[in-house]
Amino acid sequence: MKYPSVEIISDCFIKPKFLLEEAKKPTYLSPWDLAMMSTHYIQKGLLYPLPDNQHFSLNTFLDDLKDSLSATLTHFHPLAARLATLKHQNPPSLAIFINPDNSLGARFIHSSVNLTVNDILTPTDVPSIVHSFFDHHKAISHDGHKLPLLSVKVTKLIDGIFIGCSANHMVVDGSAFWHFFNSWSEVFRSKRENNLLHHISRPPVIERWIPEGCDKIITLPFTSDDQFIERPNHSLLRERFFHFSKDSLLKLKAKMNYECNTTKISTLQALSAVVWRCVTRARGLTGEQETGCRMAADNRKRLSPPLPETYLGNSLHSVRAIATAGQLLHHNIGWAAWRLHQAVANHDDRVVREFVDSWLRNPFVYTVSRFFDPNCIQIGSSPRFDMYGNKFELGEGLAVLSGYANKFDGKVTVYPGRDGGGSMDLEICLLPENMQAFESDEEFMSVITR
């Protein structure tokens, strides 16, 4: 299907409504932040039905979005800044930080497209036009020296509204991204209720975590950008959503715990094991080829003492279970789930600190060529994030969608199911030939809810 293009109607910049003293100071970055320089911006957003009441005014709605965004940026002020680099000559090194000076603020775009909600949600695969619902297409985090660290694109459909956010991955991880989105929704609701909100219920912790004994400003042993910048450019992928009801997930979790004589395997670990095995089968790997499943792990609670849940920044690590394709396919599915459970359970304060200490001795930047294994899958995001609670007085979102960013063959993004109650949605990205085999895999299709 040939889609109409998305037309930009207006474009402006939004600054924090109030300039706090701390917002005038630079924000220095942690090892976790600096390692994200070559990753794409995070691109996530919600599709809503267009209100059918005669009192709804799109212009008033957009004005309220801008005003509440400005108030929210008062608290999340790093997202209204830019990146800056200091170059040192002796020894040659770079220091990258968030600089509030001379920033225009966050970007706000109003656009429209001649499509219906059903045009987006009915096709089996996610339509490619969805990538155009986000700003910063293919931008990497290092581009935040020139690009806004946050860009909001609000697209009016014939019968819907899409609110898409692109946020720099050096500034936020998934937890911090949805914390910002939730706070923006909270401020919007408060404004509509004529209640001037001078605070938010969960203020972010801005100061970055730096290990004890480490300089506040971390320098990188590079002399130029081309030593660490790599721009991911994936092949043509199929992107498809699969829904899992609460009942089907409970049965799956119970089955795997029974097979392993335990109660410790989580729902997400059980579901990830199924996807890992079925993607491996779809790829047709030989028995001796090694495969793996990486799962994103939040370090906030794993550190001792723990970081606050409202920590604004990256506190993210990837834990991995590995096996040969033969082992994975010949053991029962509980075997794979238990390996994933062990990988997560072993990720504790000691492991986190050892990783950071190793990174400080030999800093690196995550790049596809170095860290992407075409035989593995990568599980990202979390069903615990509050996505559908962001209503902006449009009602509950119809779907959470993502842009082009950080996708490759084997990328799996986890969302809470729109039904709530413990249901989940998975967005799975595979090469077309692999998706064709995967979506007809009997083991996988027996789990999904049609």
Protein backbone atom coordinates (compact mmCIF):
# COMPACT_ATOMS: atom_id res chain seq x y z
CA MET A 1 0.00 0.00 0.00
CA LYS A 2 1.27 3.47 -0.88
CA TYR A 3 0.74 5.77 2.09
CA PRO A 4 0.15 9.51 1.91
CA SER A 5 2.93 11.63 3.34
CA VAL A 6 2.77 13.24 6.77
CA GLU A 7 2.42 17.00 6.39
CA ILE A 8 4.03 19.32 8.94
CA ILE A 9 1.65 22.15 9.84
CA SER A 10 3.62 23.99 12.53
CA ASP A 11 6.94 23.69 14.31
CA CYS A 12 8.17 25.46 17.44
CA PHE A 13 10.40 25.07 20.50
CA ILE A 14 9.28 24.75 24.11
CA LYS A 15 11.37 25.89 27.05
CA PRO A 16 10.84 25.12 30.75
CA LYS A 17 8.12 27.35 32.19
CA PHE A 18 10.23 28.16 35.25
CA LEU A 19 14.03 28.17 35.26
CA LEU A 20 15.24 26.51 38.44
CA GLU A 21 18.75 27.30 39.70
CA GLU A 22 19.88 23.73 39.13
CA ALA A 23 18.71 23.99 35.51
CA LYS A 24 21.37 26.63 34.84
CA LYS A 25 24.18 24.17 35.63
CA PRO A 26 25.64 21.49 33.35
CA THR A 27 24.56 17.88 33.93
CA TYR A 28 27.49 15.48 33.82
CA LEU A 29 26.93 12.01 32.44
CA SER A 30 27.45 8.54 33.90
CA PRO A 31 29.22 5.60 32.21
CA TRP A 32 25.80 4.15 31.33
CA ASP A 33 24.85 7.41 29.57
CA LEU A 34 28.11 7.78 27.67
CA ALA A 35 27.96 4.21 26.37
CA MET A 36 24.73 5.15 24.51
CA MET A 37 26.27 7.73 22.16
CA SER A 38 25.75 5.66 19.01
CA THR A 39 22.27 4.36 19.83
CA HIS A 40 19.20 5.90 18.25
CA TYR A 41 16.87 8.23 20.14
CA ILE A 42 14.08 6.40 21.99
CA GLN A 43 10.90 6.74 19.90
CA LYS A 44 7.62 5.77 21.54
CA GLY A 45 4.11 7.17 21.36
CA LEU A 46 0.39 6.54 21.75
CA LEU A 47 -2.43 6.46 19.22
CA TYR A 48 -5.75 7.87 20.50
CA PRO A 49 -9.26 8.13 19.07
CA LEU A 50 -10.27 11.63 18.06
CA PRO A 51 -12.90 12.89 20.53
CA ASP A 52 -16.31 13.00 18.86
CA ASN A 53 -17.79 15.67 21.09
CA GLN A 54 -18.51 19.01 19.45
CA HIS A 55 -16.66 20.97 22.11
CA PHE A 56 -13.25 19.49 21.28
CA SER A 57 -10.90 22.03 19.71
CA LEU A 58 -7.65 20.73 18.24
CA ASN A 59 -5.99 24.15 18.54
CA THR A 60 -6.91 24.41 22.23
CA PHE A 61 -5.70 20.85 22.78
CA LEU A 62 -2.34 21.63 21.14
CA ASP A 63 -1.96 24.81 23.20
CA ASP A 64 -2.62 22.85 26.39
CA LEU A 65 -0.10 20.19 25.33
CA LYS A 66 2.55 22.86 24.78
CA ASP A 67 1.82 24.65 28.05
CA SER A 68 1.84 21.43 30.10
CA LEU A 69 5.03 20.31 28.32
CA SER A 70 6.67 23.59 29.31
CA ALA A 71 5.64 23.06 32.94
CA THR A 72 6.88 19.45 32.87
CA LEU A 73 10.26 20.51 31.45
CA THR A 74 10.70 22.68 34.54
CA HIS A 75 11.29 19.41 36.38
CA PHE A 76 12.88 17.46 33.50
CA HIS A 77 15.08 20.36 32.38
CA PRO A 78 17.94 18.26 30.91
CA LEU A 79 15.54 17.31 28.10
CA ALA A 80 15.35 20.99 27.11
CA ALA A 81 19.14 21.35 26.81
CA ARG A 82 21.78 20.17 24.31
CA LEU A 83 24.92 18.09 24.45
CA ALA A 84 28.35 19.74 24.48
CA THR A 85 31.91 18.43 24.24
CA LEU A 86 35.10 19.69 25.83
CA LYS A 87 38.29 18.57 24.07
CA HIS A 88 41.42 18.08 26.14
CA GLN A 89 44.88 18.01 24.60
CA ASN A 90 46.99 16.40 27.31
CA PRO A 91 46.23 13.59 27.25
CA PRO A 92 43.92 13.73 24.19
CA SER A 93 40.39 13.08 25.43
CA LEU A 94 36.75 14.21 25.25
CA ALA A 95 34.30 15.18 27.98
CA ILE A 96 30.65 15.14 26.91
CA PHE A 97 27.92 16.66 29.10
CA ILE A 98 24.42 18.16 28.99
CA ASN A 99 24.70 21.91 28.48
CA PRO A 100 21.74 24.21 29.27
CA ASP A 101 23.33 27.27 27.64
CA ASN A 102 21.99 28.65 24.36
CA SER A 103 19.40 25.90 23.89
CA LEU A 104 16.17 26.59 22.04
CA GLY A 105 14.42 23.95 24.19
CA ALA A 106 12.46 20.87 23.20
CA ARG A 107 10.87 20.72 19.75
CA PHE A 108 7.10 20.52 19.22
CA ILE A 109 5.70 19.60 15.81
CA HIS A 110 2.06 19.58 14.71
CA SER A 111 1.43 17.43 11.63
CA SER A 112 -1.39 15.66 9.85
CA VAL A 113 -1.92 12.65 7.60
CA ASN A 114 -4.89 11.51 5.54
CA LEU A 115 -5.25 8.10 7.21
CA THR A 116 -7.66 6.51 9.66
CA VAL A 117 -6.92 4.66 12.88
CA ASN A 118 -7.88 1.41 11.13
CA ASP A 119 -5.31 2.11 8.40
CA ILE A 120 -2.69 1.91 11.14
CA LEU A 121 -4.06 -0.89 13.33
CA THR A 122 -5.68 -3.28 10.83
CA PRO A 123 -2.66 -4.47 8.77
CA THR A 124 -0.83 -7.56 10.02
CA ASP A 125 2.49 -5.72 10.03
CA VAL A 126 3.05 -2.26 11.46
CA PRO A 127 2.78 0.12 8.47
CA SER A 128 6.01 1.88 7.54
CA ILE A 129 4.21 5.25 7.73
CA VAL A 130 4.37 4.95 11.54
CA HIS A 131 8.08 5.84 11.35
CA SER A 132 6.99 9.25 10.02
CA PHE A 133 4.98 9.88 13.20
CA PHE A 134 8.27 10.61 14.98
CA ASP A 135 10.92 13.29 14.64
CA HIS A 136 14.66 12.52 14.60
CA HIS A 137 14.41 9.69 12.06
CA LYS A 138 17.67 7.68 12.22
CA ALA A 139 19.29 10.24 14.55
CA ILE A 140 21.75 8.87 17.10
CA SER A 141 22.23 10.25 20.58
CA HIS A 142 25.51 12.00 19.75
CA ASP A 143 23.50 14.16 17.33
CA GLY A 144 22.08 15.84 20.44
CA HIS A 145 24.93 18.34 20.11
CA LYS A 146 22.85 19.96 17.34
CA LEU A 147 19.41 18.37 17.61
CA PRO A 148 16.92 18.82 20.48
CA LEU A 149 17.26 16.18 23.17
CA LEU A 150 13.46 15.87 23.14
CA SER A 151 11.10 16.26 20.21
CA VAL A 152 7.34 15.79 20.34
CA LYS A 153 5.34 15.19 17.16
CA VAL A 154 1.56 15.34 17.36
CA THR A 155 -0.06 13.93 14.21
CA LYS A 156 -3.75 14.42 13.45
CA LEU A 157 -5.34 11.48 11.62
CA ILE A 158 -8.84 11.54 10.11
CA ASP A 159 -10.28 9.99 13.27
CA GLY A 160 -7.34 9.88 15.65
CA ILE A 161 -4.39 11.66 17.24
CA PHE A 162 -0.89 10.27 17.65
CA ILE A 163 1.47 11.72 20.26
CA GLY A 164 5.03 10.61 19.53
CA CYS A 165 8.12 11.43 21.58
CA SER A 166 11.75 11.11 20.48
CA ALA A 167 14.12 11.36 23.46
CA ASN A 168 17.89 11.22 23.49
CA HIS A 169 19.12 7.86 24.81
CA MET A 170 22.08 9.49 26.58
CA VAL A 171 19.60 11.42 28.70
CA VAL A 172 16.96 8.75 29.44
CA ASP A 173 16.47 5.02 29.39
CA GLY A 174 13.05 3.35 29.13
CA SER A 175 12.19 3.87 32.81
CA ALA A 176 13.09 7.57 32.68
CA PHE A 177 11.32 8.04 29.32
CA TRP A 178 7.99 6.77 30.65
CA HIS A 179 8.50 8.66 33.92
CA PHE A 180 8.67 11.85 31.84
CA PHE A 181 5.65 10.84 29.73
CA ASN A 182 3.61 9.98 32.85
CA SER A 183 4.53 13.31 34.46
CA TRP A 184 3.56 15.24 31.35
CA SER A 185 0.17 13.52 31.34
CA GLU A 186 -0.23 14.35 35.03
CA VAL A 187 0.53 18.03 34.47
CA PHE A 188 -1.85 18.15 31.48
CA ARG A 189 -4.66 16.68 33.57
CA SER A 190 -3.99 19.14 36.38
CA LYS A 191 -4.12 22.08 33.96
CA ARG A 192 -7.45 20.92 32.53
CA GLU A 193 -8.80 20.70 36.08
CA ASN A 194 -7.81 24.36 36.66
CA ASN A 195 -5.36 23.28 39.31
CA LEU A 196 -2.03 25.05 38.87
CA LEU A 197 0.47 22.31 39.54
CA HIS A 198 3.64 23.63 41.14
CA HIS A 199 4.91 20.12 41.73
CA ILE A 200 4.57 16.63 40.27
CA SER A 201 3.92 13.50 42.29
CA ARG A 202 7.24 11.87 41.35
CA PRO A 203 9.96 14.51 40.82
CA PRO A 204 12.98 13.20 38.89
CA VAL A 205 16.41 12.83 40.47
CA ILE A 206 18.63 14.74 38.04
CA GLU A 207 22.14 14.20 39.38
CA ARG A 208 23.82 11.27 37.68
CA TRP A 209 25.25 8.30 39.55
CA ILE A 210 29.04 8.25 39.47
CA PRO A 211 30.98 5.48 41.29
CA GLU A 212 32.77 6.42 44.49
CA GLY A 213 36.26 7.77 43.89
CA CYS A 214 35.55 8.62 40.25
CA ASP A 215 35.86 12.13 38.83
CA LYS A 216 32.55 13.90 38.40
CA ILE A 217 33.42 14.65 34.78
CA ILE A 218 34.31 11.43 32.97
CA THR A 219 36.70 11.84 30.06
CA LEU A 220 36.80 9.50 27.09
CA PRO A 221 40.11 8.46 25.47
CA PHE A 222 39.06 9.54 21.98
CA THR A 223 40.40 12.30 19.76
CA SER A 224 37.57 12.48 17.21
CA ASP A 225 33.95 11.45 16.78
CA ASP A 226 34.66 8.86 14.10
CA GLN A 227 36.42 6.68 16.68
CA PHE A 228 33.12 5.84 18.38
CA ILE A 229 30.26 6.96 16.12
CA GLU A 230 28.48 4.32 14.07
CA ARG A 231 25.09 4.88 12.47
CA PRO A 232 22.86 1.79 12.60
CA ASN A 233 21.05 1.13 9.33
CA HIS A 234 18.98 -2.04 9.40
CA SER A 235 17.86 -4.11 6.45
CA LEU A 236 14.20 -4.19 5.48
CA LEU A 237 12.36 -5.69 8.44
CA ARG A 238 8.88 -6.88 9.15
CA GLU A 239 7.51 -5.42 12.37
CA ARG A 240 4.54 -7.19 13.90
CA PHE A 241 2.61 -7.09 17.19
CA PHE A 242 1.49 -10.23 19.02
CA HIS A 243 -0.96 -10.19 21.93
CA PHE A 244 -0.88 -12.46 24.99
CA SER A 245 -3.78 -12.60 27.43
CA LYS A 246 -3.35 -12.86 31.17
CA ASP A 247 -4.71 -16.44 31.13
CA SER A 248 -2.37 -17.67 28.40
CA LEU A 249 0.62 -16.14 30.21
CA LEU A 250 -0.36 -17.68 33.55
CA LYS A 251 -0.59 -21.10 31.92
CA LEU A 252 2.77 -20.64 30.23
CA LYS A 253 4.46 -19.52 33.47
CA ALA A 254 2.94 -22.42 35.44
CA LYS A 255 4.07 -24.92 32.79
CA MET A 256 7.68 -23.75 32.85
CA ASN A 257 7.90 -23.57 36.63
CA TYR A 258 6.47 -27.10 36.81
CA GLU A 259 9.04 -28.39 34.31
CA CYS A 260 11.84 -26.88 36.40
CA ASN A 261 10.35 -27.77 39.81
CA THR A 262 10.45 -24.14 40.92
CA THR A 263 8.24 -21.08 41.36
CA LYS A 264 10.91 -18.51 40.48
CA ILE A 265 10.51 -18.18 36.71
CA SER A 266 8.69 -14.92 35.91
CA THR A 267 6.05 -14.41 33.27
CA LEU A 268 8.39 -12.33 31.11
CA GLN A 269 11.17 -14.92 31.40
CA ALA A 270 8.74 -17.66 30.36
CA LEU A 271 7.48 -15.71 27.35
CA SER A 272 11.01 -14.67 26.35
CA ALA A 273 12.09 -18.31 26.37
CA VAL A 274 9.33 -19.20 23.91
CA VAL A 275 10.28 -16.36 21.57
CA TRP A 276 13.98 -17.22 21.81
CA ARG A 277 13.37 -20.85 20.90
CA CYS A 278 10.87 -20.16 18.11
CA VAL A 279 13.01 -17.44 16.48
CA THR A 280 15.99 -19.78 16.61
CA ARG A 281 13.92 -22.46 14.88
CA ALA A 282 12.67 -19.95 12.29
CA ARG A 283 16.23 -18.92 11.46
CA GLY A 284 17.16 -22.52 10.72
CA LEU A 285 20.37 -22.52 12.76
CA THR A 286 22.40 -25.71 12.80
CA GLY A 287 22.65 -27.62 16.07
CA GLU A 288 26.18 -26.46 16.92
CA GLN A 289 25.59 -22.74 16.22
CA GLU A 290 25.49 -20.60 19.33
CA THR A 291 22.47 -18.43 20.01
CA GLY A 292 21.55 -16.12 22.84
CA CYS A 293 18.79 -14.09 24.41
CA ARG A 294 19.57 -10.68 25.88
CA MET A 295 17.16 -9.04 28.30
CA ALA A 296 17.29 -5.41 29.42
CA ALA A 297 17.82 -5.18 33.18
CA ASP A 298 17.25 -2.03 35.25
CA ASN A 299 20.14 -1.46 37.65
CA ARG A 300 18.30 0.97 39.94
CA LYS A 301 17.17 -1.62 42.49
CA ARG A 302 20.16 -3.86 41.97
CA LEU A 303 22.70 -1.36 43.28
CA SER A 304 23.38 -1.23 46.99
CA PRO A 305 22.29 1.26 48.13
CA PRO A 306 19.66 1.36 45.38
CA LEU A 307 19.04 4.31 43.11
CA PRO A 308 15.63 6.00 43.32
CA GLU A 309 13.02 4.74 40.86
CA THR A 310 12.80 8.36 39.68
CA TYR A 311 16.50 8.52 38.73
CA LEU A 312 16.64 10.46 35.43
CA GLY A 313 19.24 8.86 33.21
CA ASN A 314 20.40 5.48 32.03
CA SER A 315 20.73 2.72 34.57
CA LEU A 316 20.50 -0.14 32.17
CA HIS A 317 22.35 -3.34 31.47
CA SER A 318 21.84 -6.28 29.15
CA VAL A 319 21.91 -9.75 30.72
CA ARG A 320 22.36 -12.75 28.47
CA ALA A 321 21.65 -16.46 28.38
CA ILE A 322 23.43 -18.50 25.71
CA ALA A 323 23.12 -22.02 24.31
CA THR A 324 23.68 -23.88 21.10
CA ALA A 325 20.66 -24.15 18.85
CA GLY A 326 20.70 -27.93 19.45
CA GLN A 327 20.53 -27.52 23.23
CA LEU A 328 17.79 -24.91 22.99
CA LEU A 329 15.57 -26.97 20.68
CA HIS A 330 16.11 -30.42 22.21
CA HIS A 331 15.54 -29.54 25.87
CA ASN A 332 12.06 -28.69 27.10
CA ILE A 333 11.06 -25.04 27.08
CA GLY A 334 11.44 -24.75 30.85
CA TRP A 335 15.18 -25.36 30.41
CA ALA A 336 15.50 -22.14 28.38
CA ALA A 337 13.34 -20.19 30.83
CA TRP A 338 15.50 -21.31 33.76
CA ARG A 339 18.66 -20.11 31.99
CA LEU A 340 17.06 -16.71 31.52
CA HIS A 341 15.99 -16.66 35.17
CA GLN A 342 19.55 -17.42 36.29
CA ALA A 343 20.97 -14.66 34.08
CA VAL A 344 18.59 -12.13 35.66
CA ALA A 345 18.99 -13.44 39.23
CA ASN A 346 22.79 -13.28 39.04
CA HIS A 347 22.75 -9.63 37.97
CA ASP A 348 23.39 -8.00 41.35
CA ASP A 349 25.30 -5.09 42.88
CA ARG A 350 28.65 -6.84 42.47
CA VAL A 351 28.09 -7.52 38.77
CA VAL A 352 26.86 -3.98 38.12
CA ARG A 353 29.85 -2.40 39.82
CA GLU A 354 32.32 -4.75 38.12
CA PHE A 355 30.88 -3.75 34.75
CA VAL A 356 31.16 -0.02 35.54
CA ASP A 357 34.72 -0.41 36.87
CA SER A 358 35.71 -2.31 33.73
CA TRP A 359 34.11 0.36 31.53
CA LEU A 360 35.99 3.14 33.33
CA ARG A 361 39.29 1.33 32.68
CA ASN A 362 38.43 0.80 29.02
CA PRO A 363 35.50 2.98 27.89
CA PHE A 364 33.46 1.88 24.89
CA VAL A 365 30.30 2.88 23.05
CA TYR A 366 27.56 0.41 22.13
CA THR A 367 27.57 -0.14 18.36
CA VAL A 368 25.73 -2.62 16.17
CA SER A 369 28.93 -3.99 14.63
CA ARG A 370 30.43 -4.73 18.04
CA PHE A 371 27.42 -5.85 20.07
CA PHE A 372 24.86 -7.17 17.58
CA ASP A 373 24.83 -10.95 17.11
CA PRO A 374 22.60 -12.02 14.19
CA ASN A 375 21.90 -15.35 15.94
CA CYS A 376 20.58 -13.70 19.11
CA ILE A 377 17.41 -11.90 20.13
CA GLN A 378 17.21 -8.77 22.27
CA ILE A 379 14.29 -8.21 24.68
CA GLY A 380 13.72 -4.53 25.50
CA SER A 381 11.27 -2.33 27.41
CA SER A 382 9.01 -3.64 30.19
CA PRO A 383 5.35 -4.55 30.77
CA ARG A 384 5.63 -2.67 34.08
CA PHE A 385 5.90 0.74 32.40
CA ASP A 386 2.70 2.78 32.71
CA MET A 387 1.90 3.47 29.06
CA TYR A 388 -1.88 3.40 28.81
CA GLY A 389 -2.29 5.59 31.89
CA ASN A 390 -1.30 8.59 29.73
CA LYS A 391 -4.72 9.74 28.55
CA PHE A 392 -4.36 13.50 27.90
CA GLU A 393 -8.17 13.62 28.15
CA LEU A 394 -8.46 11.68 24.90
CA GLY A 395 -9.44 8.48 26.66
CA GLU A 396 -7.31 5.37 26.79
CA GLY A 397 -4.81 4.94 24.00
CA LEU A 398 -5.66 2.48 21.24
CA ALA A 399 -2.05 1.34 20.80
CA VAL A 400 1.52 2.09 21.79
CA LEU A 401 3.74 2.34 18.72
CA SER A 402 7.43 2.92 18.10
CA GLY A 403 9.54 4.47 15.35
CA TYR A 404 12.48 3.28 13.30
CA ALA A 405 14.88 3.57 16.22
CA ASN A 406 16.97 0.72 17.64
CA LYS A 407 15.39 -2.03 15.53
CA PHE A 408 17.11 -4.99 13.94
CA ASP A 409 16.48 -8.65 13.15
CA GLY A 410 15.62 -10.23 16.49
CA LYS A 411 14.60 -7.09 18.40
CA VAL A 412 11.62 -7.74 20.70
CA THR A 413 9.92 -4.85 22.50
CA VAL A 414 7.62 -5.62 25.44
CA TYR A 415 4.52 -3.55 26.21
CA PRO A 416 1.73 -3.94 28.74
CA GLY A 417 -1.36 -5.27 26.99
CA ARG A 418 -4.07 -2.72 26.34
CA ASP A 419 -6.49 -5.07 28.14
CA GLY A 420 -4.47 -4.60 31.34
CA GLY A 421 -4.63 -7.18 34.11
CA GLY A 422 -1.28 -8.76 33.30
CA SER A 423 -1.71 -9.13 29.53
CA MET A 424 1.26 -8.27 27.30
CA ASP A 425 1.99 -7.20 23.75
CA LEU A 426 5.23 -7.97 21.95
CA GLU A 427 6.51 -6.03 18.96
CA ILE A 428 8.83 -8.40 17.11
CA CYS A 429 11.18 -7.33 14.30
CA LEU A 430 12.53 -9.98 11.95
CA LEU A 431 13.84 -10.27 8.41
CA PRO A 432 10.93 -11.14 6.11
CA GLU A 433 12.03 -14.75 5.54
CA ASN A 434 12.49 -15.30 9.28
CA MET A 435 9.14 -13.72 10.14
CA GLN A 436 7.33 -15.95 7.68
CA ALA A 437 8.68 -19.04 9.40
CA PHE A 438 8.22 -17.59 12.88
CA GLU A 439 4.56 -16.59 12.51
CA SER A 440 3.66 -20.11 11.41
CA ASP A 441 5.59 -21.80 14.24
CA GLU A 442 3.13 -24.07 16.04
CA GLU A 443 4.74 -23.71 19.46
CA PHE A 444 4.60 -19.91 19.30
CA MET A 445 1.10 -19.71 17.81
CA SER A 446 -0.23 -21.94 20.60
CA VAL A 447 0.65 -19.21 23.13
CA ILE A 448 -0.58 -16.03 21.45
CA THR A 449 -4.14 -14.77 21.89
CA ARG A 450 -5.86 -14.24 18.55
